[in-house]
Amino acid sequence: MADIIDLTLLADARRYLQKLLDTRGLTYFLKKEGNRLFQIEPAKVELVIRTALRSKKRAQTRPPEQAVEHCRTELRRELIRRVASAMLQTGL
């Protein structure tokens, strides 16, 4: 079965992610406490998704859950890439 991708939702979510990264930094998306050294906080990713969903026109229906899940996965991948890059820059 083919994946359903909502490109406008993904573009909006990436734009909001970039705004949050510019204003608050990468550490905003990381858990402060926990077992792992770097762990992405799911609530912050959901915040970006909800904001992107609200930005769509009210007349439009909510995108399929499969499209929202794909967007969530892409945001997590982007954050993981940025964490890995930051770790390499600091020498961890």
PDB file of N, CA and C in Angstrom:
ATOM      1  N   MET A   1       0.833  -1.160   0.000  1.00  0.00           N
ATOM      2  CA  MET A   1       0.000   0.000   0.000  1.00  0.00           C
ATOM      3  C   MET A   1       0.894   1.245   0.000  1.00  0.00           C
ATOM      4  N   ALA A   2       0.511   2.235  -0.756  1.00  0.00           N
ATOM      5  CA  ALA A   2       1.301   3.456  -0.874  1.00  0.00           C
ATOM      6  C   ALA A   2       1.141   4.330   0.362  1.00  0.00           C
ATOM      7  N   ASP A   3       2.183   5.067   0.668  1.00  0.00           N
ATOM      8  CA  ASP A   3       2.122   6.013   1.782  1.00  0.00           C
ATOM      9  C   ASP A   3       1.381   7.263   1.343  1.00  0.00           C
ATOM     10  N   ILE A   4       0.638   7.837   2.265  1.00  0.00           N
ATOM     11  CA  ILE A   4      -0.057   9.088   2.005  1.00  0.00           C
ATOM     12  C   ILE A   4       0.781  10.202   2.610  1.00  0.00           C
ATOM     13  N   ILE A   5       1.131  11.187   1.786  1.00  0.00           N
ATOM     14  CA  ILE A   5       1.969  12.294   2.237  1.00  0.00           C
ATOM     15  C   ILE A   5       1.247  13.593   1.916  1.00  0.00           C
ATOM     16  N   ASP A   6       1.069  14.423   2.905  1.00  0.00           N
ATOM     17  CA  ASP A   6       0.489  15.745   2.723  1.00  0.00           C
ATOM     18  C   ASP A   6       1.646  16.734   2.679  1.00  0.00           C
ATOM     19  N   LEU A   7       1.996  17.179   1.465  1.00  0.00           N
ATOM     20  CA  LEU A   7       3.171  18.029   1.301  1.00  0.00           C
ATOM     21  C   LEU A   7       3.007  19.396   1.951  1.00  0.00           C
ATOM     22  N   THR A   8       1.799  19.930   1.946  1.00  0.00           N
ATOM     23  CA  THR A   8       1.608  21.237   2.586  1.00  0.00           C
ATOM     24  C   THR A   8       1.760  21.122   4.097  1.00  0.00           C
ATOM     25  N   LEU A   9       1.243  20.046   4.670  1.00  0.00           N
ATOM     26  CA  LEU A   9       1.414  19.825   6.107  1.00  0.00           C
ATOM     27  C   LEU A   9       2.889  19.670   6.446  1.00  0.00           C
ATOM     28  N   LEU A  10       3.605  18.918   5.642  1.00  0.00           N
ATOM     29  CA  LEU A  10       5.034  18.708   5.878  1.00  0.00           C
ATOM     30  C   LEU A  10       5.818  20.016   5.744  1.00  0.00           C
ATOM     31  N   ALA A  11       5.497  20.816   4.753  1.00  0.00           N
ATOM     32  CA  ALA A  11       6.181  22.103   4.573  1.00  0.00           C
ATOM     33  C   ALA A  11       5.886  23.040   5.735  1.00  0.00           C
ATOM     34  N   ASP A  12       4.629  23.099   6.165  1.00  0.00           N
ATOM     35  CA  ASP A  12       4.271  23.943   7.307  1.00  0.00           C
ATOM     36  C   ASP A  12       4.980  23.484   8.575  1.00  0.00           C
ATOM     37  N   ALA A  13       5.001  22.180   8.796  1.00  0.00           N
ATOM     38  CA  ALA A  13       5.647  21.642   9.997  1.00  0.00           C
ATOM     39  C   ALA A  13       7.147  21.933   9.989  1.00  0.00           C
ATOM     40  N   ARG A  14       7.775  21.795   8.830  1.00  0.00           N
ATOM     41  CA  ARG A  14       9.209  22.101   8.747  1.00  0.00           C
ATOM     42  C   ARG A  14       9.477  23.584   8.995  1.00  0.00           C
ATOM     43  N   ARG A  15       8.586  24.438   8.499  1.00  0.00           N
ATOM     44  CA  ARG A  15       8.744  25.871   8.708  1.00  0.00           C
ATOM     45  C   ARG A  15       8.622  26.219  10.199  1.00  0.00           C
ATOM     46  N   TYR A  16       7.635  25.642  10.886  1.00  0.00           N
ATOM     47  CA  TYR A  16       7.474  25.888  12.322  1.00  0.00           C
ATOM     48  C   TYR A  16       8.628  25.293  13.124  1.00  0.00           C
ATOM     49  N   LEU A  17       9.109  24.131  12.701  1.00  0.00           N
ATOM     50  CA  LEU A  17      10.270  23.527  13.357  1.00  0.00           C
ATOM     51  C   LEU A  17      11.472  24.455  13.257  1.00  0.00           C
ATOM     52  N   GLN A  18      11.704  24.997  12.062  1.00  0.00           N
ATOM     53  CA  GLN A  18      12.835  25.901  11.866  1.00  0.00           C
ATOM     54  C   GLN A  18      12.694  27.160  12.712  1.00  0.00           C
ATOM     55  N   LYS A  19      11.475  27.684  12.812  1.00  0.00           N
ATOM     56  CA  LYS A  19      11.261  28.878  13.652  1.00  0.00           C
ATOM     57  C   LYS A  19      11.571  28.577  15.114  1.00  0.00           C
ATOM     58  N   LEU A  20      11.117  27.426  15.592  1.00  0.00           N
ATOM     59  CA  LEU A  20      11.396  27.063  16.983  1.00  0.00           C
ATOM     60  C   LEU A  20      12.880  26.816  17.208  1.00  0.00           C
ATOM     61  N   LEU A  21      13.543  26.204  16.241  1.00  0.00           N
ATOM     62  CA  LEU A  21      14.976  25.967  16.368  1.00  0.00           C
ATOM     63  C   LEU A  21      15.736  27.295  16.397  1.00  0.00           C
ATOM     64  N   ASP A  22      15.292  28.246  15.585  1.00  0.00           N
ATOM     65  CA  ASP A  22      15.956  29.554  15.561  1.00  0.00           C
ATOM     66  C   ASP A  22      15.757  30.306  16.867  1.00  0.00           C
ATOM     67  N   THR A  23      14.549  30.226  17.436  1.00  0.00           N
ATOM     68  CA  THR A  23      14.269  31.005  18.644  1.00  0.00           C
ATOM     69  C   THR A  23      14.702  30.300  19.927  1.00  0.00           C
ATOM     70  N   ARG A  24      14.480  29.000  20.017  1.00  0.00           N
ATOM     71  CA  ARG A  24      14.733  28.290  21.280  1.00  0.00           C
ATOM     72  C   ARG A  24      15.949  27.372  21.261  1.00  0.00           C
ATOM     73  N   GLY A  25      16.366  26.946  20.088  1.00  0.00           N
ATOM     74  CA  GLY A  25      17.527  26.074  19.986  1.00  0.00           C
ATOM     75  C   GLY A  25      17.161  24.598  20.017  1.00  0.00           C
ATOM     76  N   LEU A  26      18.130  23.780  19.732  1.00  0.00           N
ATOM     77  CA  LEU A  26      17.936  22.330  19.654  1.00  0.00           C
ATOM     78  C   LEU A  26      17.622  21.719  21.011  1.00  0.00           C
ATOM     79  N   THR A  27      18.158  22.277  22.065  1.00  0.00           N
ATOM     80  CA  THR A  27      17.941  21.705  23.398  1.00  0.00           C
ATOM     81  C   THR A  27      16.489  21.788  23.844  1.00  0.00           C
ATOM     82  N   TYR A  28      15.703  22.672  23.219  1.00  0.00           N
ATOM     83  CA  TYR A  28      14.275  22.781  23.530  1.00  0.00           C
ATOM     84  C   TYR A  28      13.555  21.459  23.237  1.00  0.00           C
ATOM     85  N   PHE A  29      14.018  20.724  22.241  1.00  0.00           N
ATOM     86  CA  PHE A  29      13.373  19.484  21.824  1.00  0.00           C
ATOM     87  C   PHE A  29      13.902  18.251  22.551  1.00  0.00           C
ATOM     88  N   LEU A  30      14.878  18.418  23.413  1.00  0.00           N
ATOM     89  CA  LEU A  30      15.481  17.282  24.115  1.00  0.00           C
ATOM     90  C   LEU A  30      14.970  17.198  25.539  1.00  0.00           C
ATOM     91  N   LYS A  31      14.777  15.960  26.022  1.00  0.00           N
ATOM     92  CA  LYS A  31      14.369  15.754  27.410  1.00  0.00           C
ATOM     93  C   LYS A  31      15.500  16.163  28.329  1.00  0.00           C
ATOM     94  N   LYS A  32      15.133  16.805  29.399  1.00  0.00           N
ATOM     95  CA  LYS A  32      16.138  17.267  30.363  1.00  0.00           C
ATOM     96  C   LYS A  32      16.579  16.145  31.294  1.00  0.00           C
ATOM     97  N   GLU A  33      15.670  15.219  31.573  1.00  0.00           N
ATOM     98  CA  GLU A  33      15.971  14.110  32.469  1.00  0.00           C
ATOM     99  C   GLU A  33      15.689  12.812  31.734  1.00  0.00           C
ATOM    100  N   GLY A  34      16.362  11.770  32.138  1.00  0.00           N
ATOM    101  CA  GLY A  34      16.115  10.478  31.538  1.00  0.00           C
ATOM    102  C   GLY A  34      17.371   9.637  31.483  1.00  0.00           C
ATOM    103  N   ASN A  35      17.196   8.422  31.022  1.00  0.00           N
ATOM    104  CA  ASN A  35      18.298   7.465  30.957  1.00  0.00           C
ATOM    105  C   ASN A  35      19.284   7.822  29.852  1.00  0.00           C
ATOM    106  N   ARG A  36      18.763   8.254  28.720  1.00  0.00           N
ATOM    107  CA  ARG A  36      19.615   8.502  27.564  1.00  0.00           C
ATOM    108  C   ARG A  36      20.229   9.893  27.632  1.00  0.00           C
ATOM    109  N   LEU A  37      21.372  10.026  26.994  1.00  0.00           N
ATOM    110  CA  LEU A  37      22.061  11.307  26.966  1.00  0.00           C
ATOM    111  C   LEU A  37      21.251  12.327  26.160  1.00  0.00           C
ATOM    112  N   PHE A  38      20.771  11.922  24.989  1.00  0.00           N
ATOM    113  CA  PHE A  38      19.947  12.774  24.145  1.00  0.00           C
ATOM    114  C   PHE A  38      18.685  12.010  23.776  1.00  0.00           C
ATOM    115  N   GLN A  39      17.549  12.511  24.183  1.00  0.00           N
ATOM    116  CA  GLN A  39      16.279  11.882  23.852  1.00  0.00           C
ATOM    117  C   GLN A  39      15.305  12.972  23.431  1.00  0.00           C
ATOM    118  N   ILE A  40      14.695  12.792  22.261  1.00  0.00           N
ATOM    119  CA  ILE A  40      13.749  13.774  21.744  1.00  0.00           C
ATOM    120  C   ILE A  40      12.450  13.675  22.533  1.00  0.00           C
ATOM    121  N   GLU A  41      11.947  14.819  22.950  1.00  0.00           N
ATOM    122  CA  GLU A  41      10.709  14.853  23.713  1.00  0.00           C
ATOM    123  C   GLU A  41       9.519  14.820  22.752  1.00  0.00           C
ATOM    124  N   PRO A  42       8.703  13.770  22.820  1.00  0.00           N
ATOM    125  CA  PRO A  42       7.574  13.632  21.878  1.00  0.00           C
ATOM    126  C   PRO A  42       6.563  14.774  21.974  1.00  0.00           C
ATOM    127  N   ALA A  43       6.402  15.359  23.129  1.00  0.00           N
ATOM    128  CA  ALA A  43       5.432  16.448  23.289  1.00  0.00           C
ATOM    129  C   ALA A  43       5.819  17.664  22.448  1.00  0.00           C
ATOM    130  N   LYS A  44       7.098  17.915  22.300  1.00  0.00           N
ATOM    131  CA  LYS A  44       7.547  19.064  21.509  1.00  0.00           C
ATOM    132  C   LYS A  44       7.317  18.814  20.016  1.00  0.00           C
ATOM    133  N   VAL A  45       7.505  17.578  19.584  1.00  0.00           N
ATOM    134  CA  VAL A  45       7.224  17.233  18.186  1.00  0.00           C
ATOM    135  C   VAL A  45       5.724  17.374  17.923  1.00  0.00           C
ATOM    136  N   GLU A  46       4.919  16.937  18.865  1.00  0.00           N
ATOM    137  CA  GLU A  46       3.462  17.055  18.727  1.00  0.00           C
ATOM    138  C   GLU A  46       3.034  18.519  18.686  1.00  0.00           C
ATOM    139  N   LEU A  47       3.724  19.372  19.416  1.00  0.00           N
ATOM    140  CA  LEU A  47       3.427  20.798  19.386  1.00  0.00           C
ATOM    141  C   LEU A  47       3.594  21.349  17.976  1.00  0.00           C
ATOM    142  N   VAL A  48       4.673  20.968  17.311  1.00  0.00           N
ATOM    143  CA  VAL A  48       4.919  21.421  15.944  1.00  0.00           C
ATOM    144  C   VAL A  48       3.843  20.885  15.011  1.00  0.00           C
ATOM    145  N   ILE A  49       3.470  19.609  15.163  1.00  0.00           N
ATOM    146  CA  ILE A  49       2.437  19.000  14.314  1.00  0.00           C
ATOM    147  C   ILE A  49       1.105  19.718  14.514  1.00  0.00           C
ATOM    148  N   ARG A  50       0.718  19.939  15.770  1.00  0.00           N
ATOM    149  CA  ARG A  50      -0.564  20.614  16.044  1.00  0.00           C
ATOM    150  C   ARG A  50      -0.591  22.019  15.465  1.00  0.00           C
ATOM    151  N   THR A  51       0.525  22.729  15.577  1.00  0.00           N
ATOM    152  CA  THR A  51       0.597  24.083  15.039  1.00  0.00           C
ATOM    153  C   THR A  51       0.458  24.058  13.518  1.00  0.00           C
ATOM    154  N   ALA A  52       1.099  23.107  12.871  1.00  0.00           N
ATOM    155  CA  ALA A  52       0.985  22.991  11.412  1.00  0.00           C
ATOM    156  C   ALA A  52      -0.439  22.615  11.006  1.00  0.00           C
ATOM    157  N   LEU A  53      -1.091  21.761  11.776  1.00  0.00           N
ATOM    158  CA  LEU A  53      -2.474  21.383  11.464  1.00  0.00           C
ATOM    159  C   LEU A  53      -3.415  22.568  11.629  1.00  0.00           C
ATOM    160  N   ARG A  54      -3.190  23.396  12.634  1.00  0.00           N
ATOM    161  CA  ARG A  54      -4.052  24.557  12.856  1.00  0.00           C
ATOM    162  C   ARG A  54      -3.870  25.616  11.787  1.00  0.00           C
ATOM    163  N   SER A  55      -2.697  25.647  11.158  1.00  0.00           N
ATOM    164  CA  SER A  55      -2.430  26.674  10.160  1.00  0.00           C
ATOM    165  C   SER A  55      -3.208  26.435   8.867  1.00  0.00           C
ATOM    166  N   LYS A  56      -3.653  25.207   8.675  1.00  0.00           N
ATOM    167  CA  LYS A  56      -4.449  24.912   7.486  1.00  0.00           C
ATOM    168  C   LYS A  56      -5.788  25.623   7.601  1.00  0.00           C
ATOM    169  N   LYS A  57      -6.387  25.901   6.492  1.00  0.00           N
ATOM    170  CA  LYS A  57      -7.671  26.598   6.502  1.00  0.00           C
ATOM    171  C   LYS A  57      -8.710  25.784   7.247  1.00  0.00           C
ATOM    172  N   ARG A  58      -9.601  26.474   7.915  1.00  0.00           N
ATOM    173  CA  ARG A  58     -10.641  25.804   8.707  1.00  0.00           C
ATOM    174  C   ARG A  58     -11.577  24.979   7.841  1.00  0.00           C
ATOM    175  N   ALA A  59     -11.762  25.379   6.602  1.00  0.00           N
ATOM    176  CA  ALA A  59     -12.692  24.664   5.723  1.00  0.00           C
ATOM    177  C   ALA A  59     -12.142  23.300   5.308  1.00  0.00           C
ATOM    178  N   GLN A  60     -10.842  23.176   5.301  1.00  0.00           N
ATOM    179  CA  GLN A  60     -10.243  21.900   4.900  1.00  0.00           C
ATOM    180  C   GLN A  60     -10.394  20.875   6.009  1.00  0.00           C
ATOM    181  N   THR A  61     -10.521  19.645   5.614  1.00  0.00           N
ATOM    182  CA  THR A  61     -10.631  18.571   6.595  1.00  0.00           C
ATOM    183  C   THR A  61      -9.245  18.189   7.098  1.00  0.00           C
ATOM    184  N   ARG A  62      -9.221  17.509   8.199  1.00  0.00           N
ATOM    185  CA  ARG A  62      -7.963  17.042   8.772  1.00  0.00           C
ATOM    186  C   ARG A  62      -7.357  16.006   7.827  1.00  0.00           C
ATOM    187  N   PRO A  63      -6.039  16.075   7.612  1.00  0.00           N
ATOM    188  CA  PRO A  63      -5.393  15.079   6.737  1.00  0.00           C
ATOM    189  C   PRO A  63      -5.492  13.682   7.348  1.00  0.00           C
ATOM    190  N   PRO A  64      -5.366  12.660   6.524  1.00  0.00           N
ATOM    191  CA  PRO A  64      -5.418  11.288   7.053  1.00  0.00           C
ATOM    192  C   PRO A  64      -4.329  11.048   8.098  1.00  0.00           C
ATOM    193  N   GLU A  65      -4.606  10.175   9.021  1.00  0.00           N
ATOM    194  CA  GLU A  65      -3.666   9.884  10.109  1.00  0.00           C
ATOM    195  C   GLU A  65      -2.326   9.385   9.571  1.00  0.00           C
ATOM    196  N   GLN A  66      -2.369   8.686   8.452  1.00  0.00           N
ATOM    197  CA  GLN A  66      -1.136   8.193   7.844  1.00  0.00           C
ATOM    198  C   GLN A  66      -0.235   9.358   7.411  1.00  0.00           C
ATOM    199  N   ALA A  67      -0.832  10.429   6.917  1.00  0.00           N
ATOM    200  CA  ALA A  67      -0.068  11.615   6.507  1.00  0.00           C
ATOM    201  C   ALA A  67       0.507  12.328   7.728  1.00  0.00           C
ATOM    202  N   VAL A  68      -0.256  12.393   8.801  1.00  0.00           N
ATOM    203  CA  VAL A  68       0.221  13.029  10.035  1.00  0.00           C
ATOM    204  C   VAL A  68       1.374  12.214  10.621  1.00  0.00           C
ATOM    205  N   GLU A  69       1.251  10.902  10.588  1.00  0.00           N
ATOM    206  CA  GLU A  69       2.315  10.030  11.103  1.00  0.00           C
ATOM    207  C   GLU A  69       3.594  10.183  10.277  1.00  0.00           C
ATOM    208  N   HIS A  70       3.451  10.306   8.961  1.00  0.00           N
ATOM    209  CA  HIS A  70       4.616  10.512   8.103  1.00  0.00           C
ATOM    210  C   HIS A  70       5.309  11.832   8.440  1.00  0.00           C
ATOM    211  N   CYS A  71       4.524  12.864   8.669  1.00  0.00           N
ATOM    212  CA  CYS A  71       5.060  14.175   9.041  1.00  0.00           C
ATOM    213  C   CYS A  71       5.804  14.079  10.366  1.00  0.00           C
ATOM    214  N   ARG A  72       5.236  13.372  11.318  1.00  0.00           N
ATOM    215  CA  ARG A  72       5.864  13.181  12.633  1.00  0.00           C
ATOM    216  C   ARG A  72       7.213  12.476  12.476  1.00  0.00           C
ATOM    217  N   THR A  73       7.246  11.455  11.637  1.00  0.00           N
ATOM    218  CA  THR A  73       8.481  10.706  11.391  1.00  0.00           C
ATOM    219  C   THR A  73       9.548  11.591  10.756  1.00  0.00           C
ATOM    220  N   GLU A  74       9.138  12.410   9.792  1.00  0.00           N
ATOM    221  CA  GLU A  74      10.094  13.291   9.121  1.00  0.00           C
ATOM    222  C   GLU A  74      10.665  14.337  10.082  1.00  0.00           C
ATOM    223  N   LEU A  75       9.832  14.863  10.963  1.00  0.00           N
ATOM    224  CA  LEU A  75      10.327  15.833  11.939  1.00  0.00           C
ATOM    225  C   LEU A  75      11.317  15.176  12.890  1.00  0.00           C
ATOM    226  N   ARG A  76      11.004  13.976  13.339  1.00  0.00           N
ATOM    227  CA  ARG A  76      11.925  13.264  14.233  1.00  0.00           C
ATOM    228  C   ARG A  76      13.253  12.987  13.537  1.00  0.00           C
ATOM    229  N   ARG A  77      13.207  12.610  12.267  1.00  0.00           N
ATOM    230  CA  ARG A  77      14.440  12.363  11.507  1.00  0.00           C
ATOM    231  C   ARG A  77      15.287  13.626  11.416  1.00  0.00           C
ATOM    232  N   GLU A  78      14.635  14.751  11.154  1.00  0.00           N
ATOM    233  CA  GLU A  78      15.363  16.020  11.063  1.00  0.00           C
ATOM    234  C   GLU A  78      16.020  16.361  12.399  1.00  0.00           C
ATOM    235  N   LEU A  79      15.302  16.162  13.493  1.00  0.00           N
ATOM    236  CA  LEU A  79      15.868  16.437  14.809  1.00  0.00           C
ATOM    237  C   LEU A  79      17.028  15.494  15.116  1.00  0.00           C
ATOM    238  N   ILE A  80      16.900  14.230  14.747  1.00  0.00           N
ATOM    239  CA  ILE A  80      17.985  13.266  14.974  1.00  0.00           C
ATOM    240  C   ILE A  80      19.217  13.673  14.168  1.00  0.00           C
ATOM    241  N   ARG A  81      19.003  14.110  12.923  1.00  0.00           N
ATOM    242  CA  ARG A  81      20.125  14.576  12.103  1.00  0.00           C
ATOM    243  C   ARG A  81      20.839  15.748  12.771  1.00  0.00           C
ATOM    244  N   ARG A  82      20.055  16.681  13.294  1.00  0.00           N
ATOM    245  CA  ARG A  82      20.647  17.858  13.926  1.00  0.00           C
ATOM    246  C   ARG A  82      21.376  17.499  15.221  1.00  0.00           C
ATOM    247  N   VAL A  83      20.836  16.577  15.998  1.00  0.00           N
ATOM    248  CA  VAL A  83      21.503  16.140  17.235  1.00  0.00           C
ATOM    249  C   VAL A  83      22.824  15.452  16.884  1.00  0.00           C
ATOM    250  N   ALA A  84      22.806  14.585  15.874  1.00  0.00           N
ATOM    251  CA  ALA A  84      24.026  13.878  15.474  1.00  0.00           C
ATOM    252  C   ALA A  84      25.080  14.871  14.971  1.00  0.00           C
ATOM    253  N   SER A  85      24.641  15.857  14.221  1.00  0.00           N
ATOM    254  CA  SER A  85      25.562  16.876  13.727  1.00  0.00           C
ATOM    255  C   SER A  85      26.155  17.681  14.878  1.00  0.00           C
ATOM    256  N   ALA A  86      25.332  18.038  15.832  1.00  0.00           N
ATOM    257  CA  ALA A  86      25.820  18.790  16.994  1.00  0.00           C
ATOM    258  C   ALA A  86      26.800  17.954  17.803  1.00  0.00           C
ATOM    259  N   MET A  87      26.544  16.667  17.921  1.00  0.00           N
ATOM    260  CA  MET A  87      27.444  15.784  18.666  1.00  0.00           C
ATOM    261  C   MET A  87      28.789  15.689  17.964  1.00  0.00           C
ATOM    262  N   LEU A  88      28.776  15.604  16.630  1.00  0.00           N
ATOM    263  CA  LEU A  88      30.043  15.546  15.884  1.00  0.00           C
ATOM    264  C   LEU A  88      30.823  16.841  16.008  1.00  0.00           C
ATOM    265  N   GLN A  89      30.114  17.961  16.024  1.00  0.00           N
ATOM    266  CA  GLN A  89      30.801  19.248  16.135  1.00  0.00           C
ATOM    267  C   GLN A  89      31.456  19.436  17.498  1.00  0.00           C
ATOM    268  N   THR A  90      30.826  18.885  18.527  1.00  0.00           N
ATOM    269  CA  THR A  90      31.399  19.034  19.872  1.00  0.00           C
ATOM    270  C   THR A  90      32.413  17.937  20.205  1.00  0.00           C
ATOM    271  N   GLY A  91      32.455  16.890  19.381  1.00  0.00           N
ATOM    272  CA  GLY A  91      33.437  15.834  19.590  1.00  0.00           C
ATOM    273  C   GLY A  91      32.967  14.701  20.480  1.00  0.00           C
ATOM    274  N   LEU A  92      31.653  14.554  20.659  1.00  0.00           N
ATOM    275  CA  LEU A  92      31.144  13.443  21.493  1.00  0.00           C
ATOM    276  C   LEU A  92      31.153  12.143  20.757  1.00  0.00           C
TER     277      LEU A  92
END
